[in-house]
Amino acid sequence: MDTLTIKGMKFRGLHGVHEQEKEEGNVFEVDVVFRSYLSESAKTDKLSATIDYTKVHQIALDIIGGESVNLIEHLCFKIGNEISNSFPYHTKFDVIVRKLNPPLPSPVKFSEIRMSWPR
């Protein structure tokens, strides 16, 4: 099995449980790690035989930039489900969502959730 990683996609979103987070927003970072057989795309050099980064990026952008939610767990779940629907032949993957600089009493680099598909 091969691995394809899309790492460090950054987006601004209005997510969190605190009112300040919903008004001012925060930066979120998304990684997606696919585990799939990619020999067909390696042999043919055809985008249709692999994972289109543009589509994955657009899914994450639409969800992070979309309706405000409370939890990064919910964002991660929504992104993963949409990727699963868009790439049914690449069913094993992880989605990692980080909230950079979460509002805590002392400095914290990020909070992070990782979920795996299939669920």
PDB file of N, CA and C in Angstrom:
ATOM      1  N   MET A   1       0.848  -1.175   0.000  1.00  0.00           N
ATOM      2  CA  MET A   1       0.000   0.000   0.000  1.00  0.00           C
ATOM      3  C   MET A   1       0.891   1.236   0.000  1.00  0.00           C
ATOM      4  N   ASP A   2       0.457   2.245  -0.723  1.00  0.00           N
ATOM      5  CA  ASP A   2       1.214   3.485  -0.861  1.00  0.00           C
ATOM      6  C   ASP A   2       0.602   4.564   0.026  1.00  0.00           C
ATOM      7  N   THR A   3       1.362   5.622   0.244  1.00  0.00           N
ATOM      8  CA  THR A   3       0.885   6.742   1.060  1.00  0.00           C
ATOM      9  C   THR A   3       1.024   8.033   0.276  1.00  0.00           C
ATOM     10  N   LEU A   4      -0.043   8.816   0.257  1.00  0.00           N
ATOM     11  CA  LEU A   4      -0.021  10.153  -0.330  1.00  0.00           C
ATOM     12  C   LEU A   4      -0.495  11.115   0.747  1.00  0.00           C
ATOM     13  N   THR A   5       0.317  12.139   1.035  1.00  0.00           N
ATOM     14  CA  THR A   5       0.003  13.086   2.105  1.00  0.00           C
ATOM     15  C   THR A   5      -0.145  14.491   1.550  1.00  0.00           C
ATOM     16  N   ILE A   6      -1.198  15.143   1.960  1.00  0.00           N
ATOM     17  CA  ILE A   6      -1.396  16.573   1.682  1.00  0.00           C
ATOM     18  C   ILE A   6      -1.312  17.232   3.054  1.00  0.00           C
ATOM     19  N   LYS A   7      -0.261  18.000   3.278  1.00  0.00           N
ATOM     20  CA  LYS A   7       0.055  18.463   4.630  1.00  0.00           C
ATOM     21  C   LYS A   7       0.098  19.985   4.725  1.00  0.00           C
ATOM     22  N   GLY A   8      -0.476  20.494   5.806  1.00  0.00           N
ATOM     23  CA  GLY A   8      -0.334  21.909   6.131  1.00  0.00           C
ATOM     24  C   GLY A   8      -1.232  22.856   5.364  1.00  0.00           C
ATOM     25  N   MET A   9      -2.419  22.389   4.924  1.00  0.00           N
ATOM     26  CA  MET A   9      -3.362  23.321   4.278  1.00  0.00           C
ATOM     27  C   MET A   9      -3.868  24.264   5.368  1.00  0.00           C
ATOM     28  N   LYS A  10      -3.753  25.567   5.142  1.00  0.00           N
ATOM     29  CA  LYS A  10      -4.162  26.550   6.161  1.00  0.00           C
ATOM     30  C   LYS A  10      -5.360  27.355   5.681  1.00  0.00           C
ATOM     31  N   PHE A  11      -6.307  27.517   6.614  1.00  0.00           N
ATOM     32  CA  PHE A  11      -7.544  28.235   6.333  1.00  0.00           C
ATOM     33  C   PHE A  11      -7.952  29.038   7.555  1.00  0.00           C
ATOM     34  N   ARG A  12      -8.670  30.106   7.325  1.00  0.00           N
ATOM     35  CA  ARG A  12      -9.226  30.896   8.420  1.00  0.00           C
ATOM     36  C   ARG A  12     -10.686  30.498   8.576  1.00  0.00           C
ATOM     37  N   GLY A  13     -11.115  30.319   9.836  1.00  0.00           N
ATOM     38  CA  GLY A  13     -12.491  29.939  10.091  1.00  0.00           C
ATOM     39  C   GLY A  13     -12.992  30.523  11.393  1.00  0.00           C
ATOM     40  N   LEU A  14     -14.297  30.533  11.546  1.00  0.00           N
ATOM     41  CA  LEU A  14     -14.962  31.117  12.718  1.00  0.00           C
ATOM     42  C   LEU A  14     -15.526  30.003  13.600  1.00  0.00           C
ATOM     43  N   HIS A  15     -14.650  29.153  14.121  1.00  0.00           N
ATOM     44  CA  HIS A  15     -15.078  27.980  14.867  1.00  0.00           C
ATOM     45  C   HIS A  15     -14.543  28.008  16.288  1.00  0.00           C
ATOM     46  N   GLY A  16     -15.347  27.504  17.217  1.00  0.00           N
ATOM     47  CA  GLY A  16     -14.948  27.413  18.614  1.00  0.00           C
ATOM     48  C   GLY A  16     -16.157  27.577  19.514  1.00  0.00           C
ATOM     49  N   VAL A  17     -15.961  27.258  20.771  1.00  0.00           N
ATOM     50  CA  VAL A  17     -17.068  27.363  21.722  1.00  0.00           C
ATOM     51  C   VAL A  17     -17.195  28.759  22.329  1.00  0.00           C
ATOM     52  N   HIS A  18     -16.153  29.573  22.211  1.00  0.00           N
ATOM     53  CA  HIS A  18     -16.179  30.926  22.781  1.00  0.00           C
ATOM     54  C   HIS A  18     -16.652  31.932  21.734  1.00  0.00           C
ATOM     55  N   GLU A  19     -17.402  32.908  22.182  1.00  0.00           N
ATOM     56  CA  GLU A  19     -17.949  33.926  21.277  1.00  0.00           C
ATOM     57  C   GLU A  19     -16.839  34.639  20.511  1.00  0.00           C
ATOM     58  N   GLN A  20     -15.735  34.917  21.169  1.00  0.00           N
ATOM     59  CA  GLN A  20     -14.593  35.592  20.533  1.00  0.00           C
ATOM     60  C   GLN A  20     -14.094  34.801  19.323  1.00  0.00           C
ATOM     61  N   GLU A  21     -14.054  33.474  19.447  1.00  0.00           N
ATOM     62  CA  GLU A  21     -13.599  32.632  18.340  1.00  0.00           C
ATOM     63  C   GLU A  21     -14.557  32.711  17.155  1.00  0.00           C
ATOM     64  N   LYS A  22     -15.837  32.786  17.434  1.00  0.00           N
ATOM     65  CA  LYS A  22     -16.837  32.859  16.375  1.00  0.00           C
ATOM     66  C   LYS A  22     -16.852  34.225  15.697  1.00  0.00           C
ATOM     67  N   GLU A  23     -16.409  35.265  16.404  1.00  0.00           N
ATOM     68  CA  GLU A  23     -16.380  36.615  15.837  1.00  0.00           C
ATOM     69  C   GLU A  23     -15.055  36.927  15.150  1.00  0.00           C
ATOM     70  N   GLU A  24     -13.944  36.631  15.812  1.00  0.00           N
ATOM     71  CA  GLU A  24     -12.619  36.977  15.292  1.00  0.00           C
ATOM     72  C   GLU A  24     -12.011  35.874  14.452  1.00  0.00           C
ATOM     73  N   GLY A  25     -12.390  34.642  14.718  1.00  0.00           N
ATOM     74  CA  GLY A  25     -11.874  33.516  13.966  1.00  0.00           C
ATOM     75  C   GLY A  25     -10.495  33.080  14.409  1.00  0.00           C
ATOM     76  N   ASN A  26      -9.987  32.086  13.716  1.00  0.00           N
ATOM     77  CA  ASN A  26      -8.689  31.515  14.020  1.00  0.00           C
ATOM     78  C   ASN A  26      -8.170  30.840  12.760  1.00  0.00           C
ATOM     79  N   VAL A  27      -6.909  30.459  12.794  1.00  0.00           N
ATOM     80  CA  VAL A  27      -6.307  29.730  11.681  1.00  0.00           C
ATOM     81  C   VAL A  27      -6.360  28.244  12.004  1.00  0.00           C
ATOM     82  N   PHE A  28      -6.777  27.476  11.020  1.00  0.00           N
ATOM     83  CA  PHE A  28      -6.861  26.028  11.132  1.00  0.00           C
ATOM     84  C   PHE A  28      -5.948  25.411  10.088  1.00  0.00           C
ATOM     85  N   GLU A  29      -5.348  24.317  10.451  1.00  0.00           N
ATOM     86  CA  GLU A  29      -4.451  23.606   9.549  1.00  0.00           C
ATOM     87  C   GLU A  29      -5.008  22.192   9.359  1.00  0.00           C
ATOM     88  N   VAL A  30      -4.979  21.715   8.117  1.00  0.00           N
ATOM     89  CA  VAL A  30      -5.539  20.403   7.797  1.00  0.00           C
ATOM     90  C   VAL A  30      -4.499  19.575   7.050  1.00  0.00           C
ATOM     91  N   ASP A  31      -4.360  18.307   7.466  1.00  0.00           N
ATOM     92  CA  ASP A  31      -3.562  17.313   6.753  1.00  0.00           C
ATOM     93  C   ASP A  31      -4.502  16.183   6.364  1.00  0.00           C
ATOM     94  N   VAL A  32      -4.231  15.576   5.211  1.00  0.00           N
ATOM     95  CA  VAL A  32      -4.955  14.372   4.816  1.00  0.00           C
ATOM     96  C   VAL A  32      -3.908  13.360   4.365  1.00  0.00           C
ATOM     97  N   VAL A  33      -3.962  12.166   4.944  1.00  0.00           N
ATOM     98  CA  VAL A  33      -2.997  11.112   4.634  1.00  0.00           C
ATOM     99  C   VAL A  33      -3.770   9.924   4.061  1.00  0.00           C
ATOM    100  N   PHE A  34      -3.589   9.683   2.762  1.00  0.00           N
ATOM    101  CA  PHE A  34      -4.244   8.568   2.080  1.00  0.00           C
ATOM    102  C   PHE A  34      -3.342   7.346   2.090  1.00  0.00           C
ATOM    103  N   ARG A  35      -3.939   6.169   2.315  1.00  0.00           N
ATOM    104  CA  ARG A  35      -3.250   4.894   2.160  1.00  0.00           C
ATOM    105  C   ARG A  35      -4.014   4.138   1.079  1.00  0.00           C
ATOM    106  N   SER A  36      -3.377   4.016  -0.057  1.00  0.00           N
ATOM    107  CA  SER A  36      -4.062   3.456  -1.211  1.00  0.00           C
ATOM    108  C   SER A  36      -3.035   2.841  -2.153  1.00  0.00           C
ATOM    109  N   TYR A  37      -3.513   2.101  -3.130  1.00  0.00           N
ATOM    110  CA  TYR A  37      -2.629   1.580  -4.169  1.00  0.00           C
ATOM    111  C   TYR A  37      -2.573   2.611  -5.284  1.00  0.00           C
ATOM    112  N   LEU A  38      -1.420   3.175  -5.492  1.00  0.00           N
ATOM    113  CA  LEU A  38      -1.259   4.268  -6.459  1.00  0.00           C
ATOM    114  C   LEU A  38      -0.397   3.866  -7.654  1.00  0.00           C
ATOM    115  N   SER A  39      -0.216   2.565  -7.865  1.00  0.00           N
ATOM    116  CA  SER A  39       0.631   2.125  -8.972  1.00  0.00           C
ATOM    117  C   SER A  39       0.023   2.466 -10.330  1.00  0.00           C
ATOM    118  N   GLU A  40      -1.297   2.485 -10.434  1.00  0.00           N
ATOM    119  CA  GLU A  40      -1.942   2.834 -11.706  1.00  0.00           C
ATOM    120  C   GLU A  40      -1.581   4.257 -12.133  1.00  0.00           C
ATOM    121  N   SER A  41      -1.674   5.197 -11.208  1.00  0.00           N
ATOM    122  CA  SER A  41      -1.323   6.586 -11.554  1.00  0.00           C
ATOM    123  C   SER A  41       0.179   6.711 -11.788  1.00  0.00           C
ATOM    124  N   ALA A  42       0.973   5.939 -11.058  1.00  0.00           N
ATOM    125  CA  ALA A  42       2.419   5.974 -11.264  1.00  0.00           C
ATOM    126  C   ALA A  42       2.787   5.473 -12.662  1.00  0.00           C
ATOM    127  N   LYS A  43       2.086   4.454 -13.134  1.00  0.00           N
ATOM    128  CA  LYS A  43       2.369   3.883 -14.458  1.00  0.00           C
ATOM    129  C   LYS A  43       1.819   4.742 -15.587  1.00  0.00           C
ATOM    130  N   THR A  44       0.591   5.266 -15.395  1.00  0.00           N
ATOM    131  CA  THR A  44      -0.093   5.955 -16.498  1.00  0.00           C
ATOM    132  C   THR A  44       0.103   7.460 -16.522  1.00  0.00           C
ATOM    133  N   ASP A  45       0.495   8.042 -15.391  1.00  0.00           N
ATOM    134  CA  ASP A  45       0.651   9.499 -15.279  1.00  0.00           C
ATOM    135  C   ASP A  45      -0.671  10.230 -15.522  1.00  0.00           C
ATOM    136  N   LYS A  46      -1.786   9.613 -15.096  1.00  0.00           N
ATOM    137  CA  LYS A  46      -3.114  10.199 -15.295  1.00  0.00           C
ATOM    138  C   LYS A  46      -3.712  10.631 -13.957  1.00  0.00           C
ATOM    139  N   LEU A  47      -4.160  11.867 -13.912  1.00  0.00           N
ATOM    140  CA  LEU A  47      -4.788  12.409 -12.708  1.00  0.00           C
ATOM    141  C   LEU A  47      -6.031  11.608 -12.328  1.00  0.00           C
ATOM    142  N   SER A  48      -6.740  11.107 -13.314  1.00  0.00           N
ATOM    143  CA  SER A  48      -7.964  10.348 -13.038  1.00  0.00           C
ATOM    144  C   SER A  48      -7.694   9.053 -12.274  1.00  0.00           C
ATOM    145  N   ALA A  49      -6.436   8.616 -12.211  1.00  0.00           N
ATOM    146  CA  ALA A  49      -6.087   7.378 -11.525  1.00  0.00           C
ATOM    147  C   ALA A  49      -5.560   7.618 -10.112  1.00  0.00           C
ATOM    148  N   THR A  50      -5.622   8.858  -9.638  1.00  0.00           N
ATOM    149  CA  THR A  50      -5.070   9.157  -8.319  1.00  0.00           C
ATOM    150  C   THR A  50      -5.979  10.127  -7.566  1.00  0.00           C
ATOM    151  N   ILE A  51      -5.466  10.735  -6.546  1.00  0.00           N
ATOM    152  CA  ILE A  51      -6.196  11.672  -5.697  1.00  0.00           C
ATOM    153  C   ILE A  51      -5.888  13.087  -6.165  1.00  0.00           C
ATOM    154  N   ASP A  52      -6.908  13.811  -6.532  1.00  0.00           N
ATOM    155  CA  ASP A  52      -6.750  15.180  -7.020  1.00  0.00           C
ATOM    156  C   ASP A  52      -6.628  16.127  -5.817  1.00  0.00           C
ATOM    157  N   TYR A  53      -5.423  16.671  -5.618  1.00  0.00           N
ATOM    158  CA  TYR A  53      -5.170  17.573  -4.476  1.00  0.00           C
ATOM    159  C   TYR A  53      -6.141  18.750  -4.480  1.00  0.00           C
ATOM    160  N   THR A  54      -6.467  19.247  -5.682  1.00  0.00           N
ATOM    161  CA  THR A  54      -7.342  20.413  -5.802  1.00  0.00           C
ATOM    162  C   THR A  54      -8.706  20.137  -5.178  1.00  0.00           C
ATOM    163  N   LYS A  55      -9.240  18.949  -5.409  1.00  0.00           N
ATOM    164  CA  LYS A  55     -10.545  18.595  -4.840  1.00  0.00           C
ATOM    165  C   LYS A  55     -10.471  18.460  -3.322  1.00  0.00           C
ATOM    166  N   VAL A  56      -9.402  17.843  -2.837  1.00  0.00           N
ATOM    167  CA  VAL A  56      -9.236  17.696  -1.387  1.00  0.00           C
ATOM    168  C   VAL A  56      -9.123  19.069  -0.732  1.00  0.00           C
ATOM    169  N   HIS A  57      -8.320  19.939  -1.329  1.00  0.00           N
ATOM    170  CA  HIS A  57      -8.153  21.303  -0.816  1.00  0.00           C
ATOM    171  C   HIS A  57      -9.491  22.039  -0.798  1.00  0.00           C
ATOM    172  N   GLN A  58     -10.262  21.910  -1.864  1.00  0.00           N
ATOM    173  CA  GLN A  58     -11.547  22.613  -1.958  1.00  0.00           C
ATOM    174  C   GLN A  58     -12.526  22.119  -0.903  1.00  0.00           C
ATOM    175  N   ILE A  59     -12.527  20.815  -0.644  1.00  0.00           N
ATOM    176  CA  ILE A  59     -13.395  20.261   0.400  1.00  0.00           C
ATOM    177  C   ILE A  59     -13.044  20.880   1.752  1.00  0.00           C
ATOM    178  N   ALA A  60     -11.762  20.876   2.092  1.00  0.00           N
ATOM    179  CA  ALA A  60     -11.330  21.444   3.381  1.00  0.00           C
ATOM    180  C   ALA A  60     -11.650  22.939   3.449  1.00  0.00           C
ATOM    181  N   LEU A  61     -11.384  23.671   2.377  1.00  0.00           N
ATOM    182  CA  LEU A  61     -11.676  25.107   2.329  1.00  0.00           C
ATOM    183  C   LEU A  61     -13.156  25.383   2.536  1.00  0.00           C
ATOM    184  N   ASP A  62     -14.010  24.639   1.847  1.00  0.00           N
ATOM    185  CA  ASP A  62     -15.460  24.850   1.964  1.00  0.00           C
ATOM    186  C   ASP A  62     -15.954  24.602   3.380  1.00  0.00           C
ATOM    187  N   ILE A  63     -15.420  23.591   4.028  1.00  0.00           N
ATOM    188  CA  ILE A  63     -15.889  23.255   5.376  1.00  0.00           C
ATOM    189  C   ILE A  63     -15.307  24.199   6.421  1.00  0.00           C
ATOM    190  N   ILE A  64     -14.010  24.459   6.368  1.00  0.00           N
ATOM    191  CA  ILE A  64     -13.406  25.386   7.345  1.00  0.00           C
ATOM    192  C   ILE A  64     -13.942  26.803   7.132  1.00  0.00           C
ATOM    193  N   GLY A  65     -14.135  27.197   5.886  1.00  0.00           N
ATOM    194  CA  GLY A  65     -14.640  28.533   5.581  1.00  0.00           C
ATOM    195  C   GLY A  65     -16.144  28.652   5.658  1.00  0.00           C
ATOM    196  N   GLY A  66     -16.819  27.551   5.952  1.00  0.00           N
ATOM    197  CA  GLY A  66     -18.277  27.527   5.963  1.00  0.00           C
ATOM    198  C   GLY A  66     -18.877  27.835   7.318  1.00  0.00           C
ATOM    199  N   GLU A  67     -20.017  27.247   7.557  1.00  0.00           N
ATOM    200  CA  GLU A  67     -20.805  27.484   8.764  1.00  0.00           C
ATOM    201  C   GLU A  67     -19.990  27.239  10.033  1.00  0.00           C
ATOM    202  N   SER A  68     -20.134  28.156  10.977  1.00  0.00           N
ATOM    203  CA  SER A  68     -19.421  28.065  12.249  1.00  0.00           C
ATOM    204  C   SER A  68     -19.906  26.864  13.054  1.00  0.00           C
ATOM    205  N   VAL A  69     -18.930  26.120  13.607  1.00  0.00           N
ATOM    206  CA  VAL A  69     -19.232  24.995  14.495  1.00  0.00           C
ATOM    207  C   VAL A  69     -18.432  25.177  15.786  1.00  0.00           C
ATOM    208  N   ASN A  70     -18.748  24.387  16.780  1.00  0.00           N
ATOM    209  CA  ASN A  70     -18.063  24.507  18.067  1.00  0.00           C
ATOM    210  C   ASN A  70     -16.739  23.753  18.128  1.00  0.00           C
ATOM    211  N   LEU A  71     -16.703  22.536  17.587  1.00  0.00           N
ATOM    212  CA  LEU A  71     -15.600  21.631  17.855  1.00  0.00           C
ATOM    213  C   LEU A  71     -14.781  21.279  16.617  1.00  0.00           C
ATOM    214  N   ILE A  72     -13.467  21.142  16.805  1.00  0.00           N
ATOM    215  CA  ILE A  72     -12.624  20.697  15.693  1.00  0.00           C
ATOM    216  C   ILE A  72     -12.940  19.235  15.344  1.00  0.00           C
ATOM    217  N   GLU A  73     -13.467  18.475  16.291  1.00  0.00           N
ATOM    218  CA  GLU A  73     -13.885  17.114  16.000  1.00  0.00           C
ATOM    219  C   GLU A  73     -14.962  17.102  14.916  1.00  0.00           C
ATOM    220  N   HIS A  74     -15.889  18.047  15.000  1.00  0.00           N
ATOM    221  CA  HIS A  74     -16.970  18.137  14.021  1.00  0.00           C
ATOM    222  C   HIS A  74     -16.420  18.543  12.650  1.00  0.00           C
ATOM    223  N   LEU A  75     -15.491  19.485  12.632  1.00  0.00           N
ATOM    224  CA  LEU A  75     -14.864  19.883  11.368  1.00  0.00           C
ATOM    225  C   LEU A  75     -14.162  18.695  10.717  1.00  0.00           C
ATOM    226  N   CYS A  76     -13.403  17.968  11.500  1.00  0.00           N
ATOM    227  CA  CYS A  76     -12.658  16.821  11.007  1.00  0.00           C
ATOM    228  C   CYS A  76     -13.611  15.776  10.425  1.00  0.00           C
ATOM    229  N   PHE A  77     -14.678  15.492  11.135  1.00  0.00           N
ATOM    230  CA  PHE A  77     -15.672  14.510  10.702  1.00  0.00           C
ATOM    231  C   PHE A  77     -16.316  14.926   9.377  1.00  0.00           C
ATOM    232  N   LYS A  78     -16.678  16.199   9.274  1.00  0.00           N
ATOM    233  CA  LYS A  78     -17.298  16.691   8.039  1.00  0.00           C
ATOM    234  C   LYS A  78     -16.331  16.603   6.855  1.00  0.00           C
ATOM    235  N   ILE A  79     -15.089  16.987   7.063  1.00  0.00           N
ATOM    236  CA  ILE A  79     -14.089  16.919   5.994  1.00  0.00           C
ATOM    237  C   ILE A  79     -13.888  15.464   5.563  1.00  0.00           C
ATOM    238  N   GLY A  80     -13.713  14.573   6.524  1.00  0.00           N
ATOM    239  CA  GLY A  80     -13.499  13.165   6.203  1.00  0.00           C
ATOM    240  C   GLY A  80     -14.660  12.533   5.460  1.00  0.00           C
ATOM    241  N   ASN A  81     -15.871  12.816   5.894  1.00  0.00           N
ATOM    242  CA  ASN A  81     -17.035  12.257   5.207  1.00  0.00           C
ATOM    243  C   ASN A  81     -17.144  12.751   3.776  1.00  0.00           C
ATOM    244  N   GLU A  82     -16.847  14.023   3.566  1.00  0.00           N
ATOM    245  CA  GLU A  82     -16.922  14.576   2.210  1.00  0.00           C
ATOM    246  C   GLU A  82     -15.830  13.981   1.322  1.00  0.00           C
ATOM    247  N   ILE A  83     -14.632  13.808   1.856  1.00  0.00           N
ATOM    248  CA  ILE A  83     -13.557  13.162   1.093  1.00  0.00           C
ATOM    249  C   ILE A  83     -13.950  11.726   0.765  1.00  0.00           C
ATOM    250  N   SER A  84     -14.511  11.019   1.728  1.00  0.00           N
ATOM    251  CA  SER A  84     -14.935   9.638   1.514  1.00  0.00           C
ATOM    252  C   SER A  84     -15.960   9.546   0.387  1.00  0.00           C
ATOM    253  N   ASN A  85     -16.883  10.488   0.342  1.00  0.00           N
ATOM    254  CA  ASN A  85     -17.888  10.515  -0.725  1.00  0.00           C
ATOM    255  C   ASN A  85     -17.276  10.870  -2.076  1.00  0.00           C
ATOM    256  N   SER A  86     -16.253  11.709  -2.072  1.00  0.00           N
ATOM    257  CA  SER A  86     -15.638  12.179  -3.317  1.00  0.00           C
ATOM    258  C   SER A  86     -14.618  11.205  -3.894  1.00  0.00           C
ATOM    259  N   PHE A  87     -13.996  10.404  -3.037  1.00  0.00           N
ATOM    260  CA  PHE A  87     -12.963   9.461  -3.464  1.00  0.00           C
ATOM    261  C   PHE A  87     -13.283   8.068  -2.928  1.00  0.00           C
ATOM    262  N   PRO A  88     -14.377   7.457  -3.370  1.00  0.00           N
ATOM    263  CA  PRO A  88     -14.786   6.173  -2.791  1.00  0.00           C
ATOM    264  C   PRO A  88     -13.791   5.039  -3.038  1.00  0.00           C
ATOM    265  N   TYR A  89     -12.962   5.161  -4.052  1.00  0.00           N
ATOM    266  CA  TYR A  89     -11.981   4.114  -4.352  1.00  0.00           C
ATOM    267  C   TYR A  89     -10.703   4.271  -3.542  1.00  0.00           C
ATOM    268  N   HIS A  90     -10.544   5.362  -2.810  1.00  0.00           N
ATOM    269  CA  HIS A  90      -9.413   5.582  -1.909  1.00  0.00           C
ATOM    270  C   HIS A  90      -9.982   5.682  -0.495  1.00  0.00           C
ATOM    271  N   THR A  91     -10.372   4.557   0.058  1.00  0.00           N
ATOM    272  CA  THR A  91     -11.180   4.582   1.275  1.00  0.00           C
ATOM    273  C   THR A  91     -10.391   4.634   2.569  1.00  0.00           C
ATOM    274  N   LYS A  92      -9.095   4.376   2.552  1.00  0.00           N
ATOM    275  CA  LYS A  92      -8.324   4.425   3.794  1.00  0.00           C
ATOM    276  C   LYS A  92      -7.543   5.736   3.841  1.00  0.00           C
ATOM    277  N   PHE A  93      -7.900   6.554   4.816  1.00  0.00           N
ATOM    278  CA  PHE A  93      -7.211   7.832   4.960  1.00  0.00           C
ATOM    279  C   PHE A  93      -7.456   8.391   6.349  1.00  0.00           C
ATOM    280  N   ASP A  94      -6.589   9.296   6.748  1.00  0.00           N
ATOM    281  CA  ASP A  94      -6.721  10.036   7.994  1.00  0.00           C
ATOM    282  C   ASP A  94      -6.891  11.509   7.674  1.00  0.00           C
ATOM    283  N   VAL A  95      -7.674  12.186   8.488  1.00  0.00           N
ATOM    284  CA  VAL A  95      -7.799  13.643   8.424  1.00  0.00           C
ATOM    285  C   VAL A  95      -7.337  14.178   9.769  1.00  0.00           C
ATOM    286  N   ILE A  96      -6.462  15.168   9.725  1.00  0.00           N
ATOM    287  CA  ILE A  96      -5.964  15.818  10.934  1.00  0.00           C
ATOM    288  C   ILE A  96      -6.329  17.289  10.839  1.00  0.00           C
ATOM    289  N   VAL A  97      -6.986  17.809  11.871  1.00  0.00           N
ATOM    290  CA  VAL A  97      -7.349  19.226  11.924  1.00  0.00           C
ATOM    291  C   VAL A  97      -6.694  19.819  13.162  1.00  0.00           C
ATOM    292  N   ARG A  98      -5.985  20.939  12.961  1.00  0.00           N
ATOM    293  CA  ARG A  98      -5.355  21.663  14.062  1.00  0.00           C
ATOM    294  C   ARG A  98      -5.941  23.065  14.158  1.00  0.00           C
ATOM    295  N   LYS A  99      -6.230  23.469  15.385  1.00  0.00           N
ATOM    296  CA  LYS A  99      -6.579  24.868  15.650  1.00  0.00           C
ATOM    297  C   LYS A  99      -5.306  25.504  16.183  1.00  0.00           C
ATOM    298  N   LEU A 100      -4.743  26.449  15.424  1.00  0.00           N
ATOM    299  CA  LEU A 100      -3.509  27.096  15.833  1.00  0.00           C
ATOM    300  C   LEU A 100      -3.808  28.149  16.888  1.00  0.00           C
ATOM    301  N   ASN A 101      -2.948  28.243  17.878  1.00  0.00           N
ATOM    302  CA  ASN A 101      -3.091  29.219  18.960  1.00  0.00           C
ATOM    303  C   ASN A 101      -4.475  29.202  19.601  1.00  0.00           C
ATOM    304  N   PRO A 102      -4.918  28.070  20.125  1.00  0.00           N
ATOM    305  CA  PRO A 102      -6.241  28.039  20.762  1.00  0.00           C
ATOM    306  C   PRO A 102      -6.272  28.959  21.978  1.00  0.00           C
ATOM    307  N   PRO A 103      -7.448  29.502  22.288  1.00  0.00           N
ATOM    308  CA  PRO A 103      -7.552  30.475  23.383  1.00  0.00           C
ATOM    309  C   PRO A 103      -7.485  29.799  24.753  1.00  0.00           C
ATOM    310  N   LEU A 104      -6.274  29.632  25.248  1.00  0.00           N
ATOM    311  CA  LEU A 104      -6.051  29.034  26.568  1.00  0.00           C
ATOM    312  C   LEU A 104      -5.250  30.009  27.423  1.00  0.00           C
ATOM    313  N   PRO A 105      -5.246  29.832  28.728  1.00  0.00           N
ATOM    314  CA  PRO A 105      -4.585  30.788  29.627  1.00  0.00           C
ATOM    315  C   PRO A 105      -3.074  30.925  29.408  1.00  0.00           C
ATOM    316  N   SER A 106      -2.426  29.903  28.888  1.00  0.00           N
ATOM    317  CA  SER A 106      -0.993  30.002  28.600  1.00  0.00           C
ATOM    318  C   SER A 106      -0.771  29.635  27.140  1.00  0.00           C
ATOM    319  N   PRO A 107       0.362  30.037  26.563  1.00  0.00           N
ATOM    320  CA  PRO A 107       0.601  29.772  25.139  1.00  0.00           C
ATOM    321  C   PRO A 107       0.550  28.277  24.800  1.00  0.00           C
ATOM    322  N   VAL A 108      -0.178  27.968  23.743  1.00  0.00           N
ATOM    323  CA  VAL A 108      -0.293  26.611  23.222  1.00  0.00           C
ATOM    324  C   VAL A 108      -0.155  26.701  21.709  1.00  0.00           C
ATOM    325  N   LYS A 109       0.691  25.877  21.138  1.00  0.00           N
ATOM    326  CA  LYS A 109       0.930  25.905  19.698  1.00  0.00           C
ATOM    327  C   LYS A 109      -0.325  25.540  18.911  1.00  0.00           C
ATOM    328  N   PHE A 110      -0.974  24.422  19.288  1.00  0.00           N
ATOM    329  CA  PHE A 110      -2.207  24.024  18.615  1.00  0.00           C
ATOM    330  C   PHE A 110      -2.917  22.940  19.407  1.00  0.00           C
ATOM    331  N   SER A 111      -4.205  22.772  19.079  1.00  0.00           N
ATOM    332  CA  SER A 111      -4.952  21.595  19.506  1.00  0.00           C
ATOM    333  C   SER A 111      -5.215  20.803  18.225  1.00  0.00           C
ATOM    334  N   GLU A 112      -5.314  19.467  18.350  1.00  0.00           N
ATOM    335  CA  GLU A 112      -5.360  18.641  17.151  1.00  0.00           C
ATOM    336  C   GLU A 112      -6.287  17.451  17.343  1.00  0.00           C
ATOM    337  N   ILE A 113      -7.008  17.108  16.276  1.00  0.00           N
ATOM    338  CA  ILE A 113      -7.817  15.900  16.227  1.00  0.00           C
ATOM    339  C   ILE A 113      -7.425  15.109  14.983  1.00  0.00           C
ATOM    340  N   ARG A 114      -7.354  13.792  15.118  1.00  0.00           N
ATOM    341  CA  ARG A 114      -7.086  12.899  13.983  1.00  0.00           C
ATOM    342  C   ARG A 114      -8.183  11.855  13.957  1.00  0.00           C
ATOM    343  N   MET A 115      -8.792  11.684  12.777  1.00  0.00           N
ATOM    344  CA  MET A 115      -9.804  10.649  12.581  1.00  0.00           C
ATOM    345  C   MET A 115      -9.421   9.829  11.361  1.00  0.00           C
ATOM    346  N   SER A 116      -9.822   8.564  11.382  1.00  0.00           N
ATOM    347  CA  SER A 116      -9.496   7.645  10.306  1.00  0.00           C
ATOM    348  C   SER A 116     -10.750   7.149   9.612  1.00  0.00           C
ATOM    349  N   TRP A 117     -10.621   6.921   8.308  1.00  0.00           N
ATOM    350  CA  TRP A 117     -11.683   6.326   7.501  1.00  0.00           C
ATOM    351  C   TRP A 117     -11.131   5.083   6.857  1.00  0.00           C
ATOM    352  N   PRO A 118     -11.927   4.016   6.717  1.00  0.00           N
ATOM    353  CA  PRO A 118     -13.371   3.997   6.924  1.00  0.00           C
ATOM    354  C   PRO A 118     -13.729   4.050   8.404  1.00  0.00           C
ATOM    355  N   ARG A 119     -14.903   4.558   8.676  1.00  0.00           N
ATOM    356  CA  ARG A 119     -15.422   4.707  10.047  1.00  0.00           C
ATOM    357  C   ARG A 119     -16.029   3.415  10.496  1.00  0.00           C
TER     358      ARG A 119
END
